[in-house]
Amino acid sequence: MMVRKDVFDLIGGLDENYFLYFEETDFCYRAKRNGFAVWYVPESRVMHIAGQSTKITERNTARRRQPSYWFESRRRFFMVTHGVNYAKATDVVAILAHCLGTMKRFVLGRRRDGTPFFIRDLLRYSPLWAKNR
């Protein structure tokens, strides 16, 4: 991410309430909401060695479930930026999309490619339950 100093001066830095994940998404959302242009440049090339902090994407190992803080950060982002009802709807759509993806993987013979326990974990941290709001 490349950010001008005046963006930080106006909106502040990254939200420290995120442990990992979604903090840059939240930052870009706040920048755009404050009138700054946010660009995605698909031609740019950056090497991102995914999962180095968490080790969830190590090669030659079984797929691991997403850590709880991924779901917590996801929930926080949608609730803070769009409200509880939007966050609930997002979880319902994510569950439906995951089910469709599971069926597609099954048809293609890629049964082990999914994220383990995704729906269970998504539901556990979902704002669909009052305790998570």
Foldseek 3Di string as FASTA:
>chain_A
DDDDPVLCVPPNAFDPVQPDPPSVVLSLLVSVVVPHDDDDDVVDDDDDPPCPVPVQDDPPDAHEADDLSNLLSLLVSCCVRPRQVRQQVVLVVVVVVVVVVCVVCVVVVNNRPDHPCHNVSNVVQGSVDVVND
